[in-house]
Amino acid sequence: MKIRTFHRTCAIIFSPLFLFSAISGGILLFRKAEMYGKETKELFVGLHTWEAIAPYVGLTLACGLLTVTITGIILFFNKRA
C-alpha cells in the first residue's frame, strides 16, 4: 500500500474521533467561565479523555493522530510518495 493511500485511509477512519475530541475539547475551554455546572463539566472531561466510553479508544485515537501526522509530514517533504 502506498503511503498516500495509507494516510488517506487512516484520516478517513479516524476523522469522526478527531472531530469528537475537538468538539469536546472546545467545550471544555469554557469550563472556568461557569457556563455550565460541575456535573456537566465532569461529563465533558470524561468524554474528552474517553474515560466515560472506553479508555483504550483514547489510546487508539492518539496512535491514529500520530500516524496521520507522521505520514502527512512524509508526504509533504517527499512529493513523489
N, C-alpha and C. Protein backbone atom coordinates (compact mmCIF):
# COMPACT_ATOMS: atom_id res chain seq x y z
N MET A 1 0.84 -1.18 0.00
CA MET A 1 0.00 0.00 0.00
C MET A 1 0.89 1.24 0.00
N LYS A 2 0.57 2.14 -0.89
CA LYS A 2 1.32 3.38 -0.95
C LYS A 2 1.04 4.23 0.29
N ILE A 3 2.01 5.06 0.63
CA ILE A 3 1.89 5.87 1.85
C ILE A 3 0.75 6.88 1.71
N ARG A 4 0.50 7.38 0.52
CA ARG A 4 -0.58 8.34 0.31
C ARG A 4 -1.94 7.67 0.56
N THR A 5 -2.10 6.46 0.09
CA THR A 5 -3.34 5.70 0.31
C THR A 5 -3.50 5.37 1.79
N PHE A 6 -2.42 4.98 2.42
CA PHE A 6 -2.45 4.67 3.86
C PHE A 6 -2.84 5.90 4.67
N HIS A 7 -2.25 7.05 4.33
CA HIS A 7 -2.54 8.31 5.01
C HIS A 7 -4.02 8.67 4.84
N ARG A 8 -4.52 8.58 3.62
CA ARG A 8 -5.91 8.92 3.35
C ARG A 8 -6.88 7.98 4.08
N THR A 9 -6.57 6.69 4.09
CA THR A 9 -7.42 5.71 4.76
C THR A 9 -7.46 5.96 6.26
N CYS A 10 -6.31 6.19 6.87
CA CYS A 10 -6.26 6.47 8.31
C CYS A 10 -7.01 7.75 8.64
N ALA A 11 -6.87 8.77 7.81
CA ALA A 11 -7.55 10.03 8.06
C ALA A 11 -9.06 9.87 8.00
N ILE A 12 -9.55 9.10 7.05
CA ILE A 12 -10.99 8.88 6.93
C ILE A 12 -11.52 8.06 8.10
N ILE A 13 -10.78 7.06 8.52
CA ILE A 13 -11.21 6.20 9.64
C ILE A 13 -11.24 6.98 10.95
N PHE A 14 -10.21 7.77 11.20
CA PHE A 14 -10.08 8.45 12.48
C PHE A 14 -10.77 9.81 12.54
N SER A 15 -11.21 10.36 11.42
CA SER A 15 -11.77 11.71 11.42
C SER A 15 -12.99 11.88 12.33
N PRO A 16 -13.92 10.93 12.44
CA PRO A 16 -15.02 11.13 13.40
C PRO A 16 -14.53 11.24 14.84
N LEU A 17 -13.52 10.45 15.18
CA LEU A 17 -12.97 10.51 16.54
C LEU A 17 -12.22 11.82 16.77
N PHE A 18 -11.50 12.29 15.76
CA PHE A 18 -10.81 13.58 15.87
C PHE A 18 -11.82 14.71 16.06
N LEU A 19 -12.91 14.68 15.31
CA LEU A 19 -13.94 15.71 15.43
C LEU A 19 -14.59 15.68 16.81
N PHE A 20 -14.90 14.50 17.31
CA PHE A 20 -15.50 14.37 18.63
C PHE A 20 -14.57 14.94 19.70
N SER A 21 -13.30 14.62 19.59
CA SER A 21 -12.32 15.10 20.56
C SER A 21 -12.16 16.62 20.46
N ALA A 22 -12.16 17.15 19.25
CA ALA A 22 -12.02 18.59 19.07
C ALA A 22 -13.23 19.34 19.61
N ILE A 23 -14.42 18.83 19.37
CA ILE A 23 -15.63 19.49 19.86
C ILE A 23 -15.70 19.46 21.38
N SER A 24 -15.43 18.29 21.97
CA SER A 24 -15.48 18.21 23.44
C SER A 24 -14.38 19.06 24.07
N GLY A 25 -13.22 19.13 23.45
CA GLY A 25 -12.14 19.99 23.94
C GLY A 25 -12.49 21.46 23.82
N GLY A 26 -13.17 21.82 22.73
CA GLY A 26 -13.61 23.20 22.56
C GLY A 26 -14.62 23.62 23.61
N ILE A 27 -15.52 22.71 23.95
CA ILE A 27 -16.49 22.99 25.00
C ILE A 27 -15.78 23.16 26.34
N LEU A 28 -14.75 22.38 26.57
CA LEU A 28 -14.01 22.46 27.84
C LEU A 28 -13.21 23.76 27.99
N LEU A 29 -13.01 24.48 26.91
CA LEU A 29 -12.31 25.76 27.01
C LEU A 29 -13.06 26.74 27.91
N PHE A 30 -14.37 26.55 28.03
CA PHE A 30 -15.21 27.45 28.81
C PHE A 30 -15.51 26.91 30.21
N ARG A 31 -14.77 25.92 30.68
CA ARG A 31 -15.07 25.29 31.96
C ARG A 31 -14.86 26.23 33.14
N LYS A 32 -13.99 27.19 33.04
CA LYS A 32 -13.77 28.13 34.16
C LYS A 32 -14.64 29.37 34.07
N ALA A 33 -15.38 29.52 32.99
CA ALA A 33 -16.26 30.67 32.82
C ALA A 33 -17.62 30.43 33.49
N GLU A 34 -17.79 29.29 34.12
CA GLU A 34 -19.02 28.94 34.84
C GLU A 34 -20.24 28.98 33.92
N MET A 35 -20.05 28.54 32.66
CA MET A 35 -21.17 28.49 31.72
C MET A 35 -22.05 27.27 31.96
N TYR A 36 -21.52 26.26 32.60
CA TYR A 36 -22.29 25.06 32.90
C TYR A 36 -21.87 24.54 34.26
N GLY A 37 -22.68 23.65 34.80
CA GLY A 37 -22.47 23.14 36.15
C GLY A 37 -21.33 22.15 36.27
N LYS A 38 -21.04 21.76 37.50
CA LYS A 38 -19.94 20.85 37.78
C LYS A 38 -20.19 19.47 37.17
N GLU A 39 -21.45 19.01 37.21
CA GLU A 39 -21.77 17.70 36.65
C GLU A 39 -21.54 17.67 35.14
N THR A 40 -21.93 18.75 34.47
CA THR A 40 -21.73 18.84 33.02
C THR A 40 -20.24 18.89 32.70
N LYS A 41 -19.48 19.63 33.49
CA LYS A 41 -18.03 19.71 33.29
C LYS A 41 -17.40 18.33 33.44
N GLU A 42 -17.79 17.60 34.47
CA GLU A 42 -17.25 16.26 34.68
C GLU A 42 -17.62 15.33 33.53
N LEU A 43 -18.83 15.48 33.00
CA LEU A 43 -19.24 14.67 31.85
C LEU A 43 -18.36 14.95 30.65
N PHE A 44 -18.14 16.24 30.34
CA PHE A 44 -17.32 16.59 29.18
C PHE A 44 -15.86 16.20 29.37
N VAL A 45 -15.34 16.28 30.57
CA VAL A 45 -13.97 15.82 30.83
C VAL A 45 -13.88 14.32 30.60
N GLY A 46 -14.87 13.58 31.08
CA GLY A 46 -14.90 12.14 30.86
C GLY A 46 -15.01 11.77 29.40
N LEU A 47 -15.83 12.52 28.66
CA LEU A 47 -15.96 12.25 27.22
C LEU A 47 -14.69 12.62 26.46
N HIS A 48 -14.11 13.76 26.80
CA HIS A 48 -12.91 14.22 26.09
C HIS A 48 -11.72 13.30 26.33
N THR A 49 -11.60 12.78 27.53
CA THR A 49 -10.49 11.87 27.83
C THR A 49 -10.85 10.42 27.55
N TRP A 50 -12.05 10.17 27.07
CA TRP A 50 -12.57 8.86 26.70
C TRP A 50 -12.74 7.93 27.90
N GLU A 51 -12.65 8.45 29.13
CA GLU A 51 -12.85 7.62 30.31
C GLU A 51 -14.30 7.15 30.42
N ALA A 52 -15.23 7.97 29.97
CA ALA A 52 -16.65 7.63 30.07
C ALA A 52 -17.04 6.55 29.07
N ILE A 53 -16.31 6.43 27.98
CA ILE A 53 -16.69 5.48 26.93
C ILE A 53 -15.82 4.23 27.03
N ALA A 54 -14.55 4.36 26.74
CA ALA A 54 -13.61 3.25 26.83
C ALA A 54 -12.20 3.85 26.82
N PRO A 55 -11.41 3.58 27.86
CA PRO A 55 -10.09 4.19 27.93
C PRO A 55 -9.18 3.85 26.75
N TYR A 56 -9.35 2.68 26.17
CA TYR A 56 -8.44 2.27 25.10
C TYR A 56 -8.77 2.97 23.78
N VAL A 57 -9.94 3.54 23.68
CA VAL A 57 -10.27 4.31 22.48
C VAL A 57 -9.39 5.56 22.42
N GLY A 58 -9.14 6.18 23.56
CA GLY A 58 -8.25 7.34 23.61
C GLY A 58 -6.84 7.01 23.17
N LEU A 59 -6.36 5.85 23.57
CA LEU A 59 -5.03 5.40 23.15
C LEU A 59 -5.01 5.14 21.64
N THR A 60 -6.06 4.56 21.14
CA THR A 60 -6.17 4.31 19.70
C THR A 60 -6.23 5.64 18.94
N LEU A 61 -6.97 6.59 19.48
CA LEU A 61 -7.05 7.91 18.86
C LEU A 61 -5.69 8.59 18.84
N ALA A 62 -4.94 8.48 19.91
CA ALA A 62 -3.60 9.08 19.96
C ALA A 62 -2.68 8.44 18.92
N CYS A 63 -2.74 7.14 18.80
CA CYS A 63 -1.92 6.45 17.79
C CYS A 63 -2.35 6.85 16.37
N GLY A 64 -3.65 6.99 16.16
CA GLY A 64 -4.14 7.42 14.85
C GLY A 64 -3.69 8.82 14.51
N LEU A 65 -3.73 9.71 15.48
CA LEU A 65 -3.28 11.09 15.24
C LEU A 65 -1.79 11.13 14.92
N LEU A 66 -1.01 10.36 15.64
CA LEU A 66 0.43 10.28 15.34
C LEU A 66 0.67 9.72 13.94
N THR A 67 -0.07 8.68 13.57
CA THR A 67 0.09 8.07 12.26
C THR A 67 -0.24 9.06 11.15
N VAL A 68 -1.36 9.74 11.27
CA VAL A 68 -1.77 10.69 10.24
C VAL A 68 -0.78 11.86 10.17
N THR A 69 -0.30 12.31 11.31
CA THR A 69 0.66 13.41 11.34
C THR A 69 1.98 13.02 10.70
N ILE A 70 2.52 11.88 11.09
CA ILE A 70 3.83 11.44 10.56
C ILE A 70 3.75 11.17 9.06
N THR A 71 2.69 10.48 8.62
CA THR A 71 2.58 10.21 7.18
C THR A 71 2.34 11.51 6.41
N GLY A 72 1.64 12.48 7.00
CA GLY A 72 1.44 13.77 6.35
C GLY A 72 2.74 14.53 6.19
N ILE A 73 3.59 14.47 7.22
CA ILE A 73 4.90 15.12 7.13
C ILE A 73 5.76 14.45 6.06
N ILE A 74 5.73 13.13 6.01
CA ILE A 74 6.48 12.40 4.98
C ILE A 74 5.99 12.80 3.59
N LEU A 75 4.68 12.87 3.42
CA LEU A 75 4.12 13.25 2.12
C LEU A 75 4.48 14.69 1.75
N PHE A 76 4.54 15.56 2.72
CA PHE A 76 4.87 16.96 2.46
C PHE A 76 6.29 17.09 1.94
N PHE A 77 7.23 16.37 2.55
CA PHE A 77 8.63 16.51 2.15
C PHE A 77 9.01 15.61 0.99
N ASN A 78 8.28 14.56 0.76
CA ASN A 78 8.57 13.67 -0.35
C ASN A 78 7.39 13.74 -1.33
N LYS A 79 7.44 14.60 -2.27
CA LYS A 79 6.34 14.86 -3.19
C LYS A 79 6.04 13.65 -4.08
N ARG A 80 6.99 12.75 -4.24
CA ARG A 80 6.80 11.59 -5.12
C ARG A 80 6.14 10.41 -4.44
N ALA A 81 5.94 10.46 -3.11
CA ALA A 81 5.38 9.31 -2.38
C ALA A 81 3.91 9.14 -2.67
